[in-house]
Amino acid sequence: MAKIEKTPTGEFHSGYGCIIIVAAVSVFGFILWWSWHALQTMDREIGLLTQNEPAKLVEAPLPPDLPGKLASFSAAVSAGTTAVLKLSAADLNALITTAPDAGNGTYKDMLRVKAFNPATSVVVTDGSLPMNTAKFWEDKKRYLVGEIDFYLYLSEAGPDAKVHAVRVPGKTVPDEMVKGMQMYGYLPPYHNHPTIGPILKAVKQIKVEADGVLLSTEAPKP
């Protein structure tokens, strides 16, 4: 039986391979350029909104009745009984300044609660958020100082807070920057805390009222 041999019908040209390589390098180069350009643009926009020094936030003394309220709520959670906890702005600020480091620092020098908006379930804060520069390896910080609204909601692990709006006096904060800040919550570091985590997990309702935030271990009725 005759052996079948496949014979190329077209002439091979090394230029084809060169074109493919040049195209691949061009695409890779464009990706690198675009990443650098986007980083520089974002860095420049953040620079227009920030200042070199942090703002000094108001002091947050411990309200005399707060330790008792927290102890009662914690005891009810441990006993599996229904419990309700109302936290005022002063209570929340004391918790912010005394909360332990859960592995990513604390918010004691970053946030102070000053108002509540029940209609949107938002807590209004004065903020001084540290931000990296494009040269992140230099570990130099700049600070976003202004009003930051946080939307409160319940996740599977308990109460959480996400950025809702940002206002810097005399400046316009780009929507894309706010959307980037909305991608993560502020309480997950405490969801896995050995003592705080179980208490947060027990919360089944969270409600923003005109004078504070109400937490309840009773699930909402259908």
N, C-alpha and C. Protein backbone atom coordinates (compact mmCIF):
# COMPACT_ATOMS: atom_id res chain seq x y z
N MET A 1 0.85 -1.20 0.00
CA MET A 1 0.00 0.00 0.00
C MET A 1 0.88 1.24 0.00
N ALA A 2 0.58 2.17 -0.83
CA ALA A 2 1.40 3.37 -0.96
C ALA A 2 1.28 4.22 0.30
N LYS A 3 2.36 4.84 0.72
CA LYS A 3 2.38 5.70 1.90
C LYS A 3 1.88 7.09 1.52
N ILE A 4 0.97 7.61 2.36
CA ILE A 4 0.40 8.92 2.08
C ILE A 4 1.28 9.99 2.72
N GLU A 5 1.70 10.92 1.96
CA GLU A 5 2.52 12.01 2.45
C GLU A 5 1.79 13.33 2.26
N LYS A 6 1.85 14.19 3.30
CA LYS A 6 1.22 15.51 3.21
C LYS A 6 2.27 16.53 2.77
N THR A 7 1.99 17.21 1.72
CA THR A 7 2.93 18.18 1.16
C THR A 7 2.35 19.58 1.31
N PRO A 8 3.10 20.51 1.92
CA PRO A 8 2.60 21.88 2.06
C PRO A 8 2.26 22.47 0.71
N THR A 9 1.13 23.14 0.65
CA THR A 9 0.72 23.77 -0.62
C THR A 9 1.11 25.23 -0.68
N GLY A 10 1.49 25.81 0.45
CA GLY A 10 1.91 27.20 0.47
C GLY A 10 3.36 27.33 0.88
N GLU A 11 3.95 28.43 0.53
CA GLU A 11 5.36 28.64 0.84
C GLU A 11 5.50 29.24 2.22
N PHE A 12 6.35 28.68 3.08
CA PHE A 12 6.56 29.20 4.42
C PHE A 12 7.37 30.49 4.35
N HIS A 13 6.97 31.45 5.22
CA HIS A 13 7.70 32.71 5.27
C HIS A 13 7.91 33.09 6.73
N SER A 14 9.14 33.35 7.12
CA SER A 14 9.46 33.65 8.52
C SER A 14 8.81 34.95 8.99
N GLY A 15 8.36 35.77 8.06
CA GLY A 15 7.72 37.03 8.43
C GLY A 15 6.44 36.83 9.21
N TYR A 16 5.74 35.69 8.94
CA TYR A 16 4.51 35.42 9.67
C TYR A 16 4.76 35.34 11.17
N GLY A 17 5.79 34.61 11.53
CA GLY A 17 6.14 34.48 12.94
C GLY A 17 6.53 35.81 13.55
N CYS A 18 7.24 36.64 12.80
CA CYS A 18 7.65 37.95 13.30
C CYS A 18 6.44 38.84 13.57
N ILE A 19 5.48 38.76 12.65
CA ILE A 19 4.27 39.57 12.82
C ILE A 19 3.53 39.17 14.09
N ILE A 20 3.43 37.86 14.34
CA ILE A 20 2.74 37.37 15.54
C ILE A 20 3.47 37.84 16.80
N ILE A 21 4.80 37.75 16.79
CA ILE A 21 5.58 38.16 17.96
C ILE A 21 5.44 39.66 18.20
N VAL A 22 5.52 40.45 17.12
CA VAL A 22 5.39 41.90 17.26
C VAL A 22 4.00 42.26 17.80
N ALA A 23 2.97 41.57 17.32
CA ALA A 23 1.61 41.83 17.79
C ALA A 23 1.47 41.52 19.27
N ALA A 24 2.03 40.38 19.70
CA ALA A 24 1.96 39.99 21.10
C ALA A 24 2.69 41.00 21.99
N VAL A 25 3.88 41.42 21.55
CA VAL A 25 4.65 42.40 22.32
C VAL A 25 3.92 43.73 22.39
N SER A 26 3.27 44.11 21.28
CA SER A 26 2.53 45.38 21.25
C SER A 26 1.37 45.36 22.24
N VAL A 27 0.63 44.24 22.28
CA VAL A 27 -0.49 44.12 23.20
C VAL A 27 0.00 44.18 24.64
N PHE A 28 1.07 43.45 24.93
CA PHE A 28 1.63 43.44 26.28
C PHE A 28 2.10 44.84 26.67
N GLY A 29 2.76 45.51 25.73
CA GLY A 29 3.24 46.87 25.98
C GLY A 29 2.10 47.84 26.24
N PHE A 30 1.00 47.67 25.49
CA PHE A 30 -0.16 48.55 25.69
C PHE A 30 -0.77 48.33 27.08
N ILE A 31 -0.83 47.07 27.50
CA ILE A 31 -1.38 46.77 28.83
C ILE A 31 -0.53 47.44 29.91
N LEU A 32 0.79 47.36 29.77
CA LEU A 32 1.68 47.99 30.75
C LEU A 32 1.51 49.51 30.74
N TRP A 33 1.44 50.09 29.54
CA TRP A 33 1.28 51.54 29.43
C TRP A 33 -0.04 51.99 30.04
N TRP A 34 -1.12 51.25 29.73
CA TRP A 34 -2.43 51.65 30.23
C TRP A 34 -2.49 51.53 31.75
N SER A 35 -1.88 50.50 32.31
CA SER A 35 -1.85 50.34 33.76
C SER A 35 -1.11 51.50 34.40
N TRP A 36 0.03 51.88 33.83
CA TRP A 36 0.81 53.00 34.35
C TRP A 36 0.03 54.30 34.21
N HIS A 37 -0.60 54.51 33.07
CA HIS A 37 -1.38 55.73 32.83
C HIS A 37 -2.56 55.84 33.81
N ALA A 38 -3.28 54.72 34.02
CA ALA A 38 -4.42 54.71 34.94
C ALA A 38 -3.95 55.00 36.36
N LEU A 39 -2.81 54.41 36.77
CA LEU A 39 -2.28 54.63 38.11
C LEU A 39 -1.90 56.10 38.31
N GLN A 40 -1.24 56.68 37.30
CA GLN A 40 -0.83 58.08 37.41
C GLN A 40 -2.04 59.01 37.43
N THR A 41 -3.05 58.71 36.62
CA THR A 41 -4.26 59.54 36.59
C THR A 41 -4.98 59.49 37.93
N MET A 42 -5.14 58.28 38.47
CA MET A 42 -5.80 58.12 39.76
C MET A 42 -5.01 58.82 40.86
N ASP A 43 -3.69 58.67 40.82
CA ASP A 43 -2.84 59.29 41.82
C ASP A 43 -2.96 60.82 41.77
N ARG A 44 -3.05 61.36 40.56
CA ARG A 44 -3.17 62.81 40.40
C ARG A 44 -4.52 63.31 40.93
N GLU A 45 -5.60 62.56 40.64
CA GLU A 45 -6.92 62.96 41.12
C GLU A 45 -7.02 62.89 42.64
N ILE A 46 -6.45 61.84 43.21
CA ILE A 46 -6.46 61.72 44.68
C ILE A 46 -5.66 62.86 45.29
N GLY A 47 -4.55 63.22 44.64
CA GLY A 47 -3.71 64.31 45.15
C GLY A 47 -4.44 65.63 45.22
N LEU A 48 -5.38 65.86 44.30
CA LEU A 48 -6.16 67.10 44.30
C LEU A 48 -7.16 67.16 45.44
N LEU A 49 -7.51 66.00 46.00
CA LEU A 49 -8.53 65.93 47.04
C LEU A 49 -7.96 65.82 48.45
N THR A 50 -6.70 65.50 48.55
CA THR A 50 -6.11 65.17 49.84
C THR A 50 -5.18 66.27 50.34
N GLN A 51 -4.78 66.14 51.60
CA GLN A 51 -3.81 67.05 52.20
C GLN A 51 -2.70 66.24 52.85
N ASN A 52 -1.59 66.89 53.12
CA ASN A 52 -0.41 66.16 53.60
C ASN A 52 -0.49 65.77 55.07
N GLU A 53 -1.29 66.48 55.84
CA GLU A 53 -1.38 66.21 57.27
C GLU A 53 -2.79 65.75 57.64
N PRO A 54 -2.92 64.85 58.60
CA PRO A 54 -4.25 64.40 59.03
C PRO A 54 -4.99 65.48 59.80
N ALA A 55 -6.31 65.39 59.79
CA ALA A 55 -7.11 66.32 60.59
C ALA A 55 -7.16 65.81 62.02
N LYS A 56 -7.24 66.74 62.95
CA LYS A 56 -7.37 66.34 64.36
C LYS A 56 -8.85 66.20 64.66
N LEU A 57 -9.27 65.00 64.96
CA LEU A 57 -10.68 64.72 65.23
C LEU A 57 -11.02 65.02 66.69
N VAL A 58 -12.30 65.23 66.96
CA VAL A 58 -12.73 65.57 68.31
C VAL A 58 -12.46 64.41 69.27
N GLU A 59 -12.28 64.75 70.52
CA GLU A 59 -12.08 63.71 71.54
C GLU A 59 -13.36 62.89 71.70
N ALA A 60 -13.20 61.66 72.15
CA ALA A 60 -14.36 60.77 72.31
C ALA A 60 -14.34 60.15 73.69
N PRO A 61 -14.75 60.88 74.72
CA PRO A 61 -14.76 60.33 76.09
C PRO A 61 -15.76 59.19 76.21
N LEU A 62 -15.49 58.30 77.14
CA LEU A 62 -16.35 57.14 77.36
C LEU A 62 -17.61 57.55 78.12
N PRO A 63 -18.81 57.40 77.53
CA PRO A 63 -20.05 57.68 78.27
C PRO A 63 -20.16 56.76 79.48
N PRO A 64 -20.56 57.28 80.63
CA PRO A 64 -20.58 56.48 81.87
C PRO A 64 -21.43 55.22 81.78
N ASP A 65 -22.53 55.28 81.00
CA ASP A 65 -23.43 54.13 80.97
C ASP A 65 -23.08 53.12 79.88
N LEU A 66 -22.09 53.43 79.05
CA LEU A 66 -21.79 52.53 77.93
C LEU A 66 -21.27 51.16 78.38
N PRO A 67 -20.33 51.06 79.30
CA PRO A 67 -19.85 49.74 79.71
C PRO A 67 -20.98 48.83 80.21
N GLY A 68 -21.91 49.40 80.95
CA GLY A 68 -23.04 48.60 81.45
C GLY A 68 -23.94 48.13 80.34
N LYS A 69 -24.21 49.00 79.37
CA LYS A 69 -25.05 48.60 78.24
C LYS A 69 -24.40 47.48 77.43
N LEU A 70 -23.11 47.60 77.22
CA LEU A 70 -22.40 46.58 76.45
C LEU A 70 -22.36 45.25 77.21
N ALA A 71 -22.15 45.32 78.50
CA ALA A 71 -22.09 44.10 79.31
C ALA A 71 -23.44 43.39 79.31
N SER A 72 -24.51 44.15 79.44
CA SER A 72 -25.86 43.55 79.46
C SER A 72 -26.18 42.91 78.11
N PHE A 73 -25.82 43.58 77.04
CA PHE A 73 -26.08 43.04 75.71
C PHE A 73 -25.27 41.77 75.48
N SER A 74 -24.02 41.79 75.87
CA SER A 74 -23.15 40.62 75.71
C SER A 74 -23.66 39.44 76.53
N ALA A 75 -24.13 39.71 77.76
CA ALA A 75 -24.64 38.64 78.61
C ALA A 75 -25.90 38.02 78.00
N ALA A 76 -26.77 38.86 77.43
CA ALA A 76 -27.99 38.35 76.81
C ALA A 76 -27.66 37.50 75.59
N VAL A 77 -26.67 37.93 74.82
CA VAL A 77 -26.24 37.14 73.66
C VAL A 77 -25.73 35.78 74.11
N SER A 78 -24.90 35.76 75.14
CA SER A 78 -24.35 34.50 75.65
C SER A 78 -25.44 33.59 76.18
N ALA A 79 -26.49 34.18 76.76
CA ALA A 79 -27.58 33.38 77.31
C ALA A 79 -28.60 32.99 76.25
N GLY A 80 -28.47 33.55 75.06
CA GLY A 80 -29.40 33.23 73.99
C GLY A 80 -30.74 33.90 74.12
N THR A 81 -30.81 34.98 74.88
CA THR A 81 -32.07 35.71 75.05
C THR A 81 -32.09 36.95 74.16
N THR A 82 -33.28 37.46 73.94
CA THR A 82 -33.44 38.65 73.10
C THR A 82 -32.81 39.87 73.78
N ALA A 83 -32.10 40.66 73.00
CA ALA A 83 -31.46 41.84 73.55
C ALA A 83 -31.51 42.98 72.53
N VAL A 84 -31.62 44.20 73.06
CA VAL A 84 -31.63 45.39 72.22
C VAL A 84 -30.57 46.35 72.75
N LEU A 85 -29.82 46.96 71.82
CA LEU A 85 -28.77 47.89 72.21
C LEU A 85 -28.90 49.15 71.37
N LYS A 86 -29.04 50.30 72.04
CA LYS A 86 -29.11 51.59 71.35
C LYS A 86 -27.79 52.32 71.57
N LEU A 87 -27.16 52.72 70.45
CA LEU A 87 -25.87 53.40 70.51
C LEU A 87 -25.99 54.81 69.95
N SER A 88 -25.64 55.80 70.77
CA SER A 88 -25.65 57.19 70.34
C SER A 88 -24.36 57.52 69.60
N ALA A 89 -24.26 58.75 69.12
CA ALA A 89 -23.01 59.18 68.47
C ALA A 89 -21.85 59.10 69.45
N ALA A 90 -22.08 59.52 70.69
CA ALA A 90 -21.02 59.46 71.71
C ALA A 90 -20.61 58.02 71.97
N ASP A 91 -21.58 57.10 72.02
CA ASP A 91 -21.28 55.68 72.23
C ASP A 91 -20.42 55.14 71.08
N LEU A 92 -20.85 55.43 69.85
CA LEU A 92 -20.14 54.92 68.68
C LEU A 92 -18.72 55.47 68.61
N ASN A 93 -18.56 56.74 68.94
CA ASN A 93 -17.22 57.33 68.90
C ASN A 93 -16.32 56.72 69.97
N ALA A 94 -16.89 56.43 71.14
CA ALA A 94 -16.11 55.77 72.18
C ALA A 94 -15.69 54.37 71.73
N LEU A 95 -16.60 53.65 71.04
CA LEU A 95 -16.25 52.33 70.54
C LEU A 95 -15.17 52.41 69.46
N ILE A 96 -15.25 53.43 68.60
CA ILE A 96 -14.24 53.60 67.55
C ILE A 96 -12.86 53.82 68.15
N THR A 97 -12.79 54.63 69.20
CA THR A 97 -11.49 54.98 69.77
C THR A 97 -10.93 53.90 70.70
N THR A 98 -11.78 53.01 71.19
CA THR A 98 -11.30 51.98 72.13
C THR A 98 -11.27 50.58 71.53
N ALA A 99 -11.78 50.42 70.32
CA ALA A 99 -11.81 49.08 69.71
C ALA A 99 -10.40 48.55 69.53
N PRO A 100 -10.19 47.26 69.75
CA PRO A 100 -8.86 46.69 69.61
C PRO A 100 -8.43 46.60 68.15
N ASP A 101 -7.14 46.49 67.95
CA ASP A 101 -6.61 46.27 66.60
C ASP A 101 -6.92 44.85 66.19
N ALA A 102 -7.71 44.70 65.13
CA ALA A 102 -8.09 43.36 64.67
C ALA A 102 -7.16 42.84 63.58
N GLY A 103 -6.01 43.44 63.46
CA GLY A 103 -5.02 42.97 62.48
C GLY A 103 -4.75 43.95 61.36
N ASN A 104 -5.60 44.98 61.21
CA ASN A 104 -5.41 45.96 60.15
C ASN A 104 -5.42 47.38 60.70
N GLY A 105 -5.04 47.55 61.95
CA GLY A 105 -5.09 48.86 62.57
C GLY A 105 -6.47 49.15 63.13
N THR A 106 -6.69 50.38 63.56
CA THR A 106 -7.98 50.79 64.10
C THR A 106 -8.44 52.05 63.38
N TYR A 107 -9.66 52.48 63.68
CA TYR A 107 -10.22 53.67 63.05
C TYR A 107 -10.22 54.88 63.99
N LYS A 108 -9.51 54.79 65.11
CA LYS A 108 -9.60 55.83 66.14
C LYS A 108 -9.12 57.19 65.65
N ASP A 109 -8.19 57.23 64.72
CA ASP A 109 -7.70 58.51 64.20
C ASP A 109 -8.30 58.84 62.84
N MET A 110 -9.30 58.07 62.42
CA MET A 110 -9.86 58.24 61.08
C MET A 110 -11.29 58.76 61.05
N LEU A 111 -12.12 58.36 62.03
CA LEU A 111 -13.55 58.62 61.92
C LEU A 111 -14.16 59.09 63.24
N ARG A 112 -15.16 60.00 63.12
CA ARG A 112 -15.99 60.39 64.24
C ARG A 112 -17.44 60.54 63.75
N VAL A 113 -18.36 59.85 64.40
CA VAL A 113 -19.77 59.94 64.05
C VAL A 113 -20.33 61.27 64.54
N LYS A 114 -21.15 61.93 63.69
CA LYS A 114 -21.72 63.21 64.12
C LYS A 114 -23.21 63.35 63.82
N ALA A 115 -23.78 62.50 62.96
CA ALA A 115 -25.20 62.64 62.64
C ALA A 115 -25.73 61.33 62.07
N PHE A 116 -27.07 61.25 61.98
CA PHE A 116 -27.73 60.05 61.48
C PHE A 116 -28.81 60.44 60.47
N ASN A 117 -28.98 59.61 59.45
CA ASN A 117 -30.03 59.84 58.45
C ASN A 117 -30.86 58.56 58.35
N PRO A 118 -31.97 58.48 59.09
CA PRO A 118 -32.79 57.27 59.07
C PRO A 118 -33.36 56.93 57.70
N ALA A 119 -33.63 57.94 56.88
CA ALA A 119 -34.26 57.71 55.58
C ALA A 119 -33.39 56.87 54.66
N THR A 120 -32.08 57.01 54.78
CA THR A 120 -31.15 56.28 53.90
C THR A 120 -30.33 55.25 54.66
N SER A 121 -30.60 55.08 55.96
CA SER A 121 -29.84 54.16 56.82
C SER A 121 -28.34 54.52 56.80
N VAL A 122 -28.09 55.82 56.90
CA VAL A 122 -26.72 56.33 56.78
C VAL A 122 -26.28 56.98 58.09
N VAL A 123 -25.01 56.76 58.42
CA VAL A 123 -24.36 57.44 59.54
C VAL A 123 -23.35 58.43 58.94
N VAL A 124 -23.45 59.68 59.35
CA VAL A 124 -22.57 60.74 58.83
C VAL A 124 -21.38 60.89 59.77
N THR A 125 -20.18 60.91 59.19
CA THR A 125 -18.97 61.01 60.00
C THR A 125 -18.05 62.11 59.48
N ASP A 126 -17.21 62.61 60.38
CA ASP A 126 -16.05 63.39 59.99
C ASP A 126 -14.91 62.40 59.79
N GLY A 127 -14.24 62.50 58.63
CA GLY A 127 -13.21 61.52 58.33
C GLY A 127 -11.86 62.13 58.02
N SER A 128 -10.83 61.38 58.31
CA SER A 128 -9.46 61.74 57.96
C SER A 128 -8.76 60.45 57.56
N LEU A 129 -9.01 60.01 56.32
CA LEU A 129 -8.56 58.70 55.87
C LEU A 129 -7.17 58.76 55.25
N PRO A 130 -6.23 57.97 55.73
CA PRO A 130 -4.89 57.93 55.12
C PRO A 130 -4.93 57.18 53.78
N MET A 131 -4.20 57.70 52.81
CA MET A 131 -4.14 57.08 51.48
C MET A 131 -2.71 57.04 51.01
N ASN A 132 -2.36 55.95 50.31
CA ASN A 132 -1.03 55.81 49.75
C ASN A 132 -0.86 56.72 48.54
N THR A 133 0.39 56.99 48.18
CA THR A 133 0.70 57.67 46.94
C THR A 133 1.05 56.61 45.90
N ALA A 134 1.27 57.02 44.65
CA ALA A 134 1.65 56.07 43.60
C ALA A 134 2.96 55.38 43.95
N LYS A 135 3.86 56.09 44.62
CA LYS A 135 5.11 55.49 45.07
C LYS A 135 4.88 54.85 46.44
N PHE A 136 4.06 53.79 46.44
CA PHE A 136 3.63 53.17 47.69
C PHE A 136 4.79 52.63 48.51
N TRP A 137 5.89 52.31 47.85
CA TRP A 137 7.03 51.74 48.57
C TRP A 137 7.70 52.78 49.47
N GLU A 138 7.41 54.07 49.27
CA GLU A 138 7.98 55.11 50.12
C GLU A 138 7.22 55.24 51.44
N ASP A 139 6.01 54.63 51.52
CA ASP A 139 5.19 54.65 52.72
C ASP A 139 4.88 56.08 53.19
N LYS A 140 4.63 56.96 52.22
CA LYS A 140 4.20 58.31 52.54
C LYS A 140 2.68 58.38 52.42
N LYS A 141 2.04 59.01 53.39
CA LYS A 141 0.59 59.08 53.40
C LYS A 141 0.11 60.49 53.07
N ARG A 142 -1.08 60.56 52.51
CA ARG A 142 -1.82 61.81 52.37
C ARG A 142 -3.21 61.52 52.92
N TYR A 143 -4.00 62.56 53.20
CA TYR A 143 -5.22 62.33 53.96
C TYR A 143 -6.44 62.95 53.27
N LEU A 144 -7.47 62.11 53.14
CA LEU A 144 -8.76 62.56 52.62
C LEU A 144 -9.57 63.07 53.81
N VAL A 145 -9.76 64.37 53.87
CA VAL A 145 -10.41 64.99 55.03
C VAL A 145 -11.75 65.59 54.58
N GLY A 146 -12.81 65.17 55.22
CA GLY A 146 -14.13 65.68 54.87
C GLY A 146 -15.21 64.87 55.55
N GLU A 147 -16.42 64.93 55.01
CA GLU A 147 -17.54 64.15 55.53
C GLU A 147 -17.67 62.85 54.75
N ILE A 148 -17.82 61.75 55.49
CA ILE A 148 -17.99 60.43 54.86
C ILE A 148 -19.25 59.81 55.41
N ASP A 149 -20.18 59.49 54.53
CA ASP A 149 -21.42 58.82 54.92
C ASP A 149 -21.23 57.32 54.80
N PHE A 150 -21.68 56.60 55.83
CA PHE A 150 -21.59 55.14 55.82
C PHE A 150 -22.99 54.54 55.83
N TYR A 151 -23.22 53.63 54.90
CA TYR A 151 -24.49 52.90 54.86
C TYR A 151 -24.37 51.67 55.75
N LEU A 152 -25.28 51.51 56.69
CA LEU A 152 -25.26 50.37 57.60
C LEU A 152 -26.20 49.28 57.10
N TYR A 153 -25.76 48.05 57.18
CA TYR A 153 -26.56 46.92 56.73
C TYR A 153 -26.10 45.66 57.44
N LEU A 154 -26.89 44.59 57.28
CA LEU A 154 -26.53 43.30 57.88
C LEU A 154 -25.95 42.38 56.83
N SER A 155 -24.78 41.84 57.11
CA SER A 155 -24.20 40.79 56.28
C SER A 155 -24.40 39.45 56.99
N GLU A 156 -23.94 38.37 56.41
CA GLU A 156 -24.07 37.06 57.05
C GLU A 156 -23.30 36.99 58.36
N ALA A 157 -22.26 37.82 58.47
CA ALA A 157 -21.42 37.79 59.67
C ALA A 157 -21.85 38.81 60.71
N GLY A 158 -22.88 39.63 60.38
CA GLY A 158 -23.33 40.64 61.32
C GLY A 158 -23.34 42.03 60.71
N PRO A 159 -23.47 43.07 61.52
CA PRO A 159 -23.51 44.44 61.01
C PRO A 159 -22.25 44.79 60.23
N ASP A 160 -22.44 45.60 59.18
CA ASP A 160 -21.30 46.08 58.41
C ASP A 160 -21.61 47.50 57.94
N ALA A 161 -20.58 48.19 57.48
CA ALA A 161 -20.72 49.57 57.04
C ALA A 161 -19.90 49.78 55.78
N LYS A 162 -20.52 50.39 54.77
CA LYS A 162 -19.83 50.71 53.53
C LYS A 162 -19.96 52.20 53.23
N VAL A 163 -18.96 52.73 52.56
CA VAL A 163 -19.01 54.14 52.18
C VAL A 163 -20.21 54.38 51.27
N HIS A 164 -20.97 55.42 51.59
CA HIS A 164 -22.15 55.79 50.79
C HIS A 164 -21.89 57.06 49.99
N ALA A 165 -21.23 58.02 50.59
CA ALA A 165 -20.92 59.27 49.91
C ALA A 165 -19.72 59.92 50.58
N VAL A 166 -19.00 60.74 49.82
CA VAL A 166 -17.83 61.45 50.34
C VAL A 166 -17.92 62.91 49.91
N ARG A 167 -17.71 63.82 50.86
CA ARG A 167 -17.73 65.25 50.57
C ARG A 167 -16.48 65.90 51.12
N VAL A 168 -15.72 66.55 50.25
CA VAL A 168 -14.53 67.30 50.65
C VAL A 168 -14.82 68.78 50.39
N PRO A 169 -14.75 69.64 51.41
CA PRO A 169 -15.10 71.05 51.24
C PRO A 169 -14.37 71.71 50.07
N GLY A 170 -15.14 72.34 49.18
CA GLY A 170 -14.57 73.09 48.07
C GLY A 170 -14.08 72.24 46.91
N LYS A 171 -14.33 70.91 46.97
CA LYS A 171 -13.83 70.03 45.92
C LYS A 171 -14.90 69.04 45.50
N THR A 172 -14.76 68.51 44.29
CA THR A 172 -15.70 67.52 43.77
C THR A 172 -15.03 66.15 43.77
N VAL A 173 -15.62 65.21 44.48
CA VAL A 173 -15.07 63.86 44.56
C VAL A 173 -15.60 63.05 43.37
N PRO A 174 -14.72 62.50 42.51
CA PRO A 174 -15.18 61.74 41.34
C PRO A 174 -16.02 60.52 41.74
N ASP A 175 -17.06 60.25 40.97
CA ASP A 175 -17.92 59.10 41.25
C ASP A 175 -17.14 57.80 41.25
N GLU A 176 -16.18 57.68 40.33
CA GLU A 176 -15.41 56.43 40.24
C GLU A 176 -14.60 56.19 41.51
N MET A 177 -14.14 57.26 42.12
CA MET A 177 -13.38 57.11 43.37
C MET A 177 -14.29 56.61 44.48
N VAL A 178 -15.50 57.18 44.56
CA VAL A 178 -16.46 56.75 45.58
C VAL A 178 -16.83 55.29 45.35
N LYS A 179 -17.06 54.90 44.08
CA LYS A 179 -17.40 53.51 43.78
C LYS A 179 -16.28 52.57 44.22
N GLY A 180 -15.04 53.00 44.04
CA GLY A 180 -13.92 52.17 44.49
C GLY A 180 -13.91 52.00 45.99
N MET A 181 -14.27 53.06 46.72
CA MET A 181 -14.31 52.98 48.18
C MET A 181 -15.49 52.14 48.67
N GLN A 182 -16.51 51.98 47.83
CA GLN A 182 -17.70 51.22 48.21
C GLN A 182 -17.52 49.72 48.04
N MET A 183 -16.37 49.29 47.58
CA MET A 183 -16.17 47.87 47.27
C MET A 183 -15.94 47.00 48.50
N TYR A 184 -15.65 47.62 49.63
CA TYR A 184 -15.37 46.80 50.82
C TYR A 184 -16.04 47.40 52.05
N GLY A 185 -16.28 46.54 53.05
CA GLY A 185 -16.88 46.98 54.29
C GLY A 185 -15.83 47.37 55.32
N TYR A 186 -16.27 48.04 56.36
CA TYR A 186 -15.35 48.52 57.39
C TYR A 186 -15.33 47.64 58.64
N LEU A 187 -16.29 46.72 58.78
CA LEU A 187 -16.35 45.91 59.99
C LEU A 187 -15.85 44.47 59.87
N PRO A 188 -15.60 43.93 58.67
CA PRO A 188 -15.11 42.55 58.58
C PRO A 188 -13.91 42.21 59.45
N PRO A 189 -12.94 43.14 59.71
CA PRO A 189 -11.85 42.77 60.62
C PRO A 189 -12.33 42.32 61.99
N TYR A 190 -13.53 42.80 62.41
CA TYR A 190 -14.04 42.44 63.73
C TYR A 190 -14.99 41.24 63.69
N HIS A 191 -15.40 40.83 62.50
CA HIS A 191 -16.29 39.67 62.41
C HIS A 191 -15.60 38.39 62.87
N ASN A 192 -14.29 38.34 62.73
CA ASN A 192 -13.53 37.15 63.14
C ASN A 192 -12.84 37.33 64.50
N HIS A 193 -13.12 38.43 65.16
CA HIS A 193 -12.50 38.67 66.47
C HIS A 193 -13.10 37.67 67.48
N PRO A 194 -12.28 37.08 68.34
CA PRO A 194 -12.78 36.02 69.23
C PRO A 194 -13.88 36.44 70.19
N THR A 195 -13.90 37.69 70.63
CA THR A 195 -14.95 38.13 71.55
C THR A 195 -16.00 39.03 70.88
N ILE A 196 -15.56 39.86 69.96
CA ILE A 196 -16.50 40.78 69.29
C ILE A 196 -17.30 40.06 68.21
N GLY A 197 -16.65 39.14 67.50
CA GLY A 197 -17.29 38.44 66.39
C GLY A 197 -18.59 37.75 66.75
N PRO A 198 -18.64 36.93 67.82
CA PRO A 198 -19.89 36.25 68.18
C PRO A 198 -21.03 37.22 68.52
N ILE A 199 -20.70 38.36 69.11
CA ILE A 199 -21.73 39.34 69.45
C ILE A 199 -22.30 39.95 68.17
N LEU A 200 -21.42 40.30 67.23
CA LEU A 200 -21.90 40.85 65.96
C LEU A 200 -22.74 39.83 65.20
N LYS A 201 -22.32 38.58 65.25
CA LYS A 201 -23.04 37.52 64.56
C LYS A 201 -24.46 37.35 65.10
N ALA A 202 -24.66 37.66 66.38
CA ALA A 202 -25.97 37.48 67.01
C ALA A 202 -26.96 38.57 66.62
N VAL A 203 -26.47 39.66 66.07
CA VAL A 203 -27.35 40.78 65.70
C VAL A 203 -28.16 40.40 64.45
N LYS A 204 -29.47 40.49 64.55
CA LYS A 204 -30.36 40.13 63.44
C LYS A 204 -31.08 41.34 62.83
N GLN A 205 -31.01 42.47 63.52
CA GLN A 205 -31.62 43.69 63.01
C GLN A 205 -30.70 44.87 63.31
N ILE A 206 -30.62 45.79 62.36
CA ILE A 206 -29.88 47.04 62.58
C ILE A 206 -30.71 48.17 61.97
N LYS A 207 -30.87 49.23 62.75
CA LYS A 207 -31.72 50.32 62.29
C LYS A 207 -31.09 51.66 62.67
N VAL A 208 -30.99 52.54 61.68
CA VAL A 208 -30.49 53.89 61.94
C VAL A 208 -31.68 54.77 62.31
N GLU A 209 -31.61 55.37 63.50
CA GLU A 209 -32.66 56.27 63.96
C GLU A 209 -32.10 57.69 64.03
N ALA A 210 -32.95 58.65 64.32
CA ALA A 210 -32.54 60.05 64.30
C ALA A 210 -31.46 60.36 65.34
N ASP A 211 -31.43 59.58 66.43
CA ASP A 211 -30.49 59.86 67.51
C ASP A 211 -29.52 58.72 67.78
N GLY A 212 -29.42 57.77 66.87
CA GLY A 212 -28.48 56.68 67.10
C GLY A 212 -28.76 55.46 66.25
N VAL A 213 -28.07 54.38 66.58
CA VAL A 213 -28.21 53.11 65.87
C VAL A 213 -28.77 52.07 66.83
N LEU A 214 -29.80 51.35 66.38
CA LEU A 214 -30.45 50.34 67.20
C LEU A 214 -30.07 48.95 66.70
N LEU A 215 -29.56 48.12 67.61
CA LEU A 215 -29.20 46.74 67.30
C LEU A 215 -30.12 45.80 68.08
N SER A 216 -30.55 44.71 67.42
CA SER A 216 -31.42 43.75 68.09
C SER A 216 -31.04 42.34 67.69
N THR A 217 -31.16 41.43 68.65
CA THR A 217 -30.87 40.02 68.36
C THR A 217 -32.12 39.28 67.89
N GLU A 218 -33.24 39.99 67.85
CA GLU A 218 -34.49 39.38 67.39
C GLU A 218 -34.62 39.53 65.88
N ALA A 219 -34.84 38.41 65.20
CA ALA A 219 -34.96 38.44 63.75
C ALA A 219 -36.22 39.21 63.34
N PRO A 220 -36.18 39.97 62.25
CA PRO A 220 -37.37 40.71 61.82
C PRO A 220 -38.50 39.76 61.44
N LYS A 221 -39.70 40.19 61.72
CA LYS A 221 -40.86 39.35 61.42
C LYS A 221 -41.21 39.47 59.95
N PRO A 222 -41.58 38.36 59.32
CA PRO A 222 -41.90 38.39 57.89
C PRO A 222 -43.16 39.22 57.60
